[in-house]
Amino acid sequence: MTSHPSPTTELPAPTAARSPDEQARVASLIRSIFSERIPFNQLLGLQVLSIERNEIGFDMRPELVGHFEYGRLHGGVISATLDVVGSFGLMNAIAIRHPTDTVEQIGARFKKMGTVDLRVDYLRSGQGKTFLASAEVTRLGRRIGSTRMTLHNDSGVLIATGAAVYVIS
């Protein structure tokens, strides 16, 4: 049986660490991009919950309902959220991969990202008061990155899973 490396073994070990101030600036940039600079993310109400765990959350609102009789979350909101958290996870992995890059250099790398393929499996109806999306980077190459994502409600029920491929250069 062939052994496959875990996702973390594909990420190179940092050669030098950023200063605490520069790391705080990188974290602030990532948080700002996803919570403030992308109008669609603001429309959905997406908020960065944890950079370290690649987690984004949002509250249910009437504008996000897709089934008016049951008050379920719209499938497009689920899909978009999984896409966002997947790219969020890759941005974090890129920042880790390039520990000597300045915040400006990291920002320039992020500008090149785009979704190539996205698959969503809707497992349960999107009911809840709040939702938590998280991502795991499964591959980070020089040009392509891949992620697996999940969306849970506030009761811990798994609503949907996703897998995505992104161009990163």
C-alpha atoms as a PDB file:
ATOM      1  CA  MET A   1       0.000   0.000   0.000  1.00  0.00           C
ATOM      2  CA  THR A   2       1.356   3.416  -0.967  1.00  0.00           C
ATOM      3  CA  SER A   3       1.529   5.971   1.802  1.00  0.00           C
ATOM      4  CA  HIS A   4       0.208   9.402   0.928  1.00  0.00           C
ATOM      5  CA  PRO A   5       1.651  12.479   2.629  1.00  0.00           C
ATOM      6  CA  SER A   6      -0.670  14.393   4.893  1.00  0.00           C
ATOM      7  CA  PRO A   7      -1.653  17.890   3.740  1.00  0.00           C
ATOM      8  CA  THR A   8       0.719  19.455   6.242  1.00  0.00           C
ATOM      9  CA  THR A   9       3.724  17.573   4.845  1.00  0.00           C
ATOM     10  CA  GLU A  10       3.213  19.248   1.474  1.00  0.00           C
ATOM     11  CA  LEU A  11       3.770  22.672   2.996  1.00  0.00           C
ATOM     12  CA  PRO A  12       7.440  23.578   3.288  1.00  0.00           C
ATOM     13  CA  ALA A  13       8.810  24.409   6.693  1.00  0.00           C
ATOM     14  CA  PRO A  14       9.347  28.140   7.109  1.00  0.00           C
ATOM     15  CA  THR A  15      12.966  29.162   6.633  1.00  0.00           C
ATOM     16  CA  ALA A  16      12.660  32.341   8.670  1.00  0.00           C
ATOM     17  CA  ALA A  17       9.872  33.795  10.714  1.00  0.00           C
ATOM     18  CA  ARG A  18       8.284  37.188  10.218  1.00  0.00           C
ATOM     19  CA  SER A  19       8.640  39.643  13.029  1.00  0.00           C
ATOM     20  CA  PRO A  20       5.590  39.725  15.309  1.00  0.00           C
ATOM     21  CA  ASP A  21       4.673  43.142  13.907  1.00  0.00           C
ATOM     22  CA  GLU A  22       4.884  41.941  10.299  1.00  0.00           C
ATOM     23  CA  GLN A  23       2.894  38.784  11.141  1.00  0.00           C
ATOM     24  CA  ALA A  24       0.202  40.953  12.725  1.00  0.00           C
ATOM     25  CA  ARG A  25       0.113  43.044   9.521  1.00  0.00           C
ATOM     26  CA  VAL A  26      -0.270  39.881   7.386  1.00  0.00           C
ATOM     27  CA  ALA A  27      -3.105  38.627   9.617  1.00  0.00           C
ATOM     28  CA  SER A  28      -4.748  42.051   9.445  1.00  0.00           C
ATOM     29  CA  LEU A  29      -4.498  42.039   5.633  1.00  0.00           C
ATOM     30  CA  ILE A  30      -6.101  38.581   5.370  1.00  0.00           C
ATOM     31  CA  ARG A  31      -8.871  39.545   7.807  1.00  0.00           C
ATOM     32  CA  SER A  32      -9.475  42.810   5.939  1.00  0.00           C
ATOM     33  CA  ILE A  33      -9.643  41.165   2.504  1.00  0.00           C
ATOM     34  CA  PHE A  34     -12.278  38.669   3.570  1.00  0.00           C
ATOM     35  CA  SER A  35     -14.325  40.783   5.974  1.00  0.00           C
ATOM     36  CA  GLU A  36     -14.108  44.282   4.466  1.00  0.00           C
ATOM     37  CA  ARG A  37     -12.731  44.477   0.930  1.00  0.00           C
ATOM     38  CA  ILE A  38     -14.958  41.975  -0.891  1.00  0.00           C
ATOM     39  CA  PRO A  39     -18.461  43.481  -1.126  1.00  0.00           C
ATOM     40  CA  PHE A  40     -20.122  40.101  -1.736  1.00  0.00           C
ATOM     41  CA  ASN A  41     -18.633  38.717   1.484  1.00  0.00           C
ATOM     42  CA  GLN A  42     -20.071  41.740   3.298  1.00  0.00           C
ATOM     43  CA  LEU A  43     -23.468  41.116   1.690  1.00  0.00           C
ATOM     44  CA  LEU A  44     -23.399  37.558   3.035  1.00  0.00           C
ATOM     45  CA  GLY A  45     -22.215  38.825   6.426  1.00  0.00           C
ATOM     46  CA  LEU A  46     -19.089  36.639   6.431  1.00  0.00           C
ATOM     47  CA  GLN A  47     -16.697  37.248   9.314  1.00  0.00           C
ATOM     48  CA  VAL A  48     -13.249  35.790   9.918  1.00  0.00           C
ATOM     49  CA  LEU A  49     -13.439  33.779  13.144  1.00  0.00           C
ATOM     50  CA  SER A  50     -10.008  32.128  13.161  1.00  0.00           C
ATOM     51  CA  ILE A  51      -7.082  32.571  10.820  1.00  0.00           C
ATOM     52  CA  GLU A  52      -5.215  29.668  12.426  1.00  0.00           C
ATOM     53  CA  ARG A  53      -8.114  27.226  11.915  1.00  0.00           C
ATOM     54  CA  ASN A  54      -9.315  28.682   8.566  1.00  0.00           C
ATOM     55  CA  GLU A  55     -12.775  29.464   9.959  1.00  0.00           C
ATOM     56  CA  ILE A  56     -15.381  31.911   8.709  1.00  0.00           C
ATOM     57  CA  GLY A  57     -18.843  32.378  10.190  1.00  0.00           C
ATOM     58  CA  PHE A  58     -22.082  34.205   9.574  1.00  0.00           C
ATOM     59  CA  ASP A  59     -25.528  34.700  11.067  1.00  0.00           C
ATOM     60  CA  MET A  60     -28.760  33.624   9.419  1.00  0.00           C
ATOM     61  CA  ARG A  61     -30.757  36.577   8.115  1.00  0.00           C
ATOM     62  CA  PRO A  62     -33.999  36.813   6.120  1.00  0.00           C
ATOM     63  CA  GLU A  63     -32.023  37.907   3.030  1.00  0.00           C
ATOM     64  CA  LEU A  64     -30.196  34.544   2.984  1.00  0.00           C
ATOM     65  CA  VAL A  65     -33.327  32.361   2.949  1.00  0.00           C
ATOM     66  CA  GLY A  66     -33.748  30.117  -0.074  1.00  0.00           C
ATOM     67  CA  HIS A  67     -36.909  28.259   0.920  1.00  0.00           C
ATOM     68  CA  PHE A  68     -39.510  30.728   2.145  1.00  0.00           C
ATOM     69  CA  GLU A  69     -41.750  28.131   3.813  1.00  0.00           C
ATOM     70  CA  TYR A  70     -39.023  26.553   5.944  1.00  0.00           C
ATOM     71  CA  GLY A  71     -36.540  29.415   6.319  1.00  0.00           C
ATOM     72  CA  ARG A  72     -33.662  27.363   4.955  1.00  0.00           C
ATOM     73  CA  LEU A  73     -30.366  28.839   3.889  1.00  0.00           C
ATOM     74  CA  HIS A  74     -30.149  29.366   0.111  1.00  0.00           C
ATOM     75  CA  GLY A  75     -27.933  26.842  -1.693  1.00  0.00           C
ATOM     76  CA  GLY A  76     -26.078  29.668  -3.414  1.00  0.00           C
ATOM     77  CA  VAL A  77     -25.114  31.103  -0.026  1.00  0.00           C
ATOM     78  CA  ILE A  78     -23.806  27.685   1.001  1.00  0.00           C
ATOM     79  CA  SER A  79     -21.798  27.322  -2.203  1.00  0.00           C
ATOM     80  CA  ALA A  80     -20.400  30.847  -2.048  1.00  0.00           C
ATOM     81  CA  THR A  81     -19.417  30.455   1.602  1.00  0.00           C
ATOM     82  CA  LEU A  82     -17.562  27.212   0.892  1.00  0.00           C
ATOM     83  CA  ASP A  83     -15.751  28.876  -2.022  1.00  0.00           C
ATOM     84  CA  VAL A  84     -14.759  31.819   0.166  1.00  0.00           C
ATOM     85  CA  VAL A  85     -13.482  29.673   3.038  1.00  0.00           C
ATOM     86  CA  GLY A  86     -11.503  27.501   0.586  1.00  0.00           C
ATOM     87  CA  SER A  87      -9.691  30.507  -0.840  1.00  0.00           C
ATOM     88  CA  PHE A  88      -9.250  31.870   2.685  1.00  0.00           C
ATOM     89  CA  GLY A  89      -7.473  28.646   3.703  1.00  0.00           C
ATOM     90  CA  LEU A  90      -5.181  28.872   0.688  1.00  0.00           C
ATOM     91  CA  MET A  91      -4.327  32.496   1.407  1.00  0.00           C
ATOM     92  CA  ASN A  92      -3.259  31.481   4.886  1.00  0.00           C
ATOM     93  CA  ALA A  93      -1.183  28.580   3.524  1.00  0.00           C
ATOM     94  CA  ILE A  94       0.506  30.889   1.007  1.00  0.00           C
ATOM     95  CA  ALA A  95       1.411  33.320   3.792  1.00  0.00           C
ATOM     96  CA  ILE A  96       2.933  30.425   5.764  1.00  0.00           C
ATOM     97  CA  ARG A  97       4.807  29.122   2.719  1.00  0.00           C
ATOM     98  CA  HIS A  98       6.454  32.517   2.160  1.00  0.00           C
ATOM     99  CA  PRO A  99       7.505  33.581   5.679  1.00  0.00           C
ATOM    100  CA  THR A 100      10.005  36.189   4.511  1.00  0.00           C
ATOM    101  CA  ASP A 101       7.543  38.010   2.226  1.00  0.00           C
ATOM    102  CA  THR A 102       6.350  41.417   3.365  1.00  0.00           C
ATOM    103  CA  VAL A 103       2.656  42.134   3.743  1.00  0.00           C
ATOM    104  CA  GLU A 104       2.741  43.890   0.358  1.00  0.00           C
ATOM    105  CA  GLN A 105       4.284  40.833  -1.316  1.00  0.00           C
ATOM    106  CA  ILE A 106       1.699  38.544   0.283  1.00  0.00           C
ATOM    107  CA  GLY A 107      -1.059  40.897  -0.905  1.00  0.00           C
ATOM    108  CA  ALA A 108       0.293  40.733  -4.457  1.00  0.00           C
ATOM    109  CA  ARG A 109       0.225  36.916  -4.348  1.00  0.00           C
ATOM    110  CA  PHE A 110      -3.431  36.950  -3.299  1.00  0.00           C
ATOM    111  CA  LYS A 111      -4.418  39.089  -6.289  1.00  0.00           C
ATOM    112  CA  LYS A 112      -3.559  36.178  -8.610  1.00  0.00           C
ATOM    113  CA  MET A 113      -5.978  33.691  -7.006  1.00  0.00           C
ATOM    114  CA  GLY A 114      -9.128  32.443  -8.693  1.00  0.00           C
ATOM    115  CA  THR A 115     -11.506  29.490  -8.469  1.00  0.00           C
ATOM    116  CA  VAL A 116     -10.972  26.825 -11.148  1.00  0.00           C
ATOM    117  CA  ASP A 117     -13.398  24.169  -9.924  1.00  0.00           C
ATOM    118  CA  LEU A 118     -15.860  23.902  -7.049  1.00  0.00           C
ATOM    119  CA  ARG A 119     -17.897  20.898  -5.978  1.00  0.00           C
ATOM    120  CA  VAL A 120     -20.540  21.143  -3.269  1.00  0.00           C
ATOM    121  CA  ASP A 121     -22.427  18.311  -1.593  1.00  0.00           C
ATOM    122  CA  TYR A 122     -25.580  19.523   0.163  1.00  0.00           C
ATOM    123  CA  LEU A 123     -26.086  17.062   3.008  1.00  0.00           C
ATOM    124  CA  ARG A 124     -28.825  18.580   5.185  1.00  0.00           C
ATOM    125  CA  SER A 125     -31.150  21.552   5.026  1.00  0.00           C
ATOM    126  CA  GLY A 126     -29.485  24.820   5.942  1.00  0.00           C
ATOM    127  CA  GLN A 127     -31.297  25.594   9.143  1.00  0.00           C
ATOM    128  CA  GLY A 128     -29.708  27.365  12.070  1.00  0.00           C
ATOM    129  CA  LYS A 129     -29.056  30.695  13.714  1.00  0.00           C
ATOM    130  CA  THR A 130     -25.341  30.834  12.907  1.00  0.00           C
ATOM    131  CA  PHE A 131     -23.044  28.925  10.583  1.00  0.00           C
ATOM    132  CA  LEU A 132     -19.365  27.988  10.672  1.00  0.00           C
ATOM    133  CA  ALA A 133     -17.337  27.215   7.559  1.00  0.00           C
ATOM    134  CA  SER A 134     -13.825  25.786   7.688  1.00  0.00           C
ATOM    135  CA  ALA A 135     -11.226  24.691   5.172  1.00  0.00           C
ATOM    136  CA  GLU A 136      -8.345  22.264   4.997  1.00  0.00           C
ATOM    137  CA  VAL A 137      -5.652  22.749   2.357  1.00  0.00           C
ATOM    138  CA  THR A 138      -5.062  19.415   0.638  1.00  0.00           C
ATOM    139  CA  ARG A 139      -2.497  20.610  -1.911  1.00  0.00           C
ATOM    140  CA  LEU A 140      -0.471  23.758  -2.312  1.00  0.00           C
ATOM    141  CA  GLY A 141       1.584  23.731  -5.473  1.00  0.00           C
ATOM    142  CA  ARG A 142       3.267  26.608  -7.262  1.00  0.00           C
ATOM    143  CA  ARG A 143       0.318  27.241  -9.599  1.00  0.00           C
ATOM    144  CA  ILE A 144      -2.627  25.261  -8.215  1.00  0.00           C
ATOM    145  CA  GLY A 145      -4.036  24.762  -4.721  1.00  0.00           C
ATOM    146  CA  SER A 146      -6.797  22.448  -3.504  1.00  0.00           C
ATOM    147  CA  THR A 147      -9.019  22.526  -0.446  1.00  0.00           C
ATOM    148  CA  ARG A 148     -11.757  20.588   1.335  1.00  0.00           C
ATOM    149  CA  MET A 149     -14.393  22.609   3.122  1.00  0.00           C
ATOM    150  CA  THR A 150     -17.264  22.058   5.564  1.00  0.00           C
ATOM    151  CA  LEU A 151     -20.252  24.089   6.713  1.00  0.00           C
ATOM    152  CA  HIS A 152     -21.878  23.418  10.108  1.00  0.00           C
ATOM    153  CA  ASN A 153     -24.776  25.109  11.851  1.00  0.00           C
ATOM    154  CA  ASP A 154     -24.773  26.333  15.451  1.00  0.00           C
ATOM    155  CA  SER A 155     -25.910  22.884  16.654  1.00  0.00           C
ATOM    156  CA  GLY A 156     -22.864  21.276  15.056  1.00  0.00           C
ATOM    157  CA  VAL A 157     -24.889  19.666  12.252  1.00  0.00           C
ATOM    158  CA  LEU A 158     -22.909  19.203   9.043  1.00  0.00           C
ATOM    159  CA  ILE A 159     -24.884  21.071   6.371  1.00  0.00           C
ATOM    160  CA  ALA A 160     -22.556  20.749   3.364  1.00  0.00           C
ATOM    161  CA  THR A 161     -19.090  19.753   2.255  1.00  0.00           C
ATOM    162  CA  GLY A 162     -17.073  21.002  -0.659  1.00  0.00           C
ATOM    163  CA  ALA A 163     -13.872  20.527  -2.593  1.00  0.00           C
ATOM    164  CA  ALA A 164     -12.238  23.169  -4.716  1.00  0.00           C
ATOM    165  CA  VAL A 165      -9.272  23.878  -6.938  1.00  0.00           C
ATOM    166  CA  TYR A 166      -7.801  27.366  -7.237  1.00  0.00           C
ATOM    167  CA  VAL A 167      -5.216  28.952  -9.490  1.00  0.00           C
ATOM    168  CA  ILE A 168      -2.720  30.664  -7.207  1.00  0.00           C
ATOM    169  CA  SER A 169      -0.206  32.156  -9.615  1.00  0.00           C
END
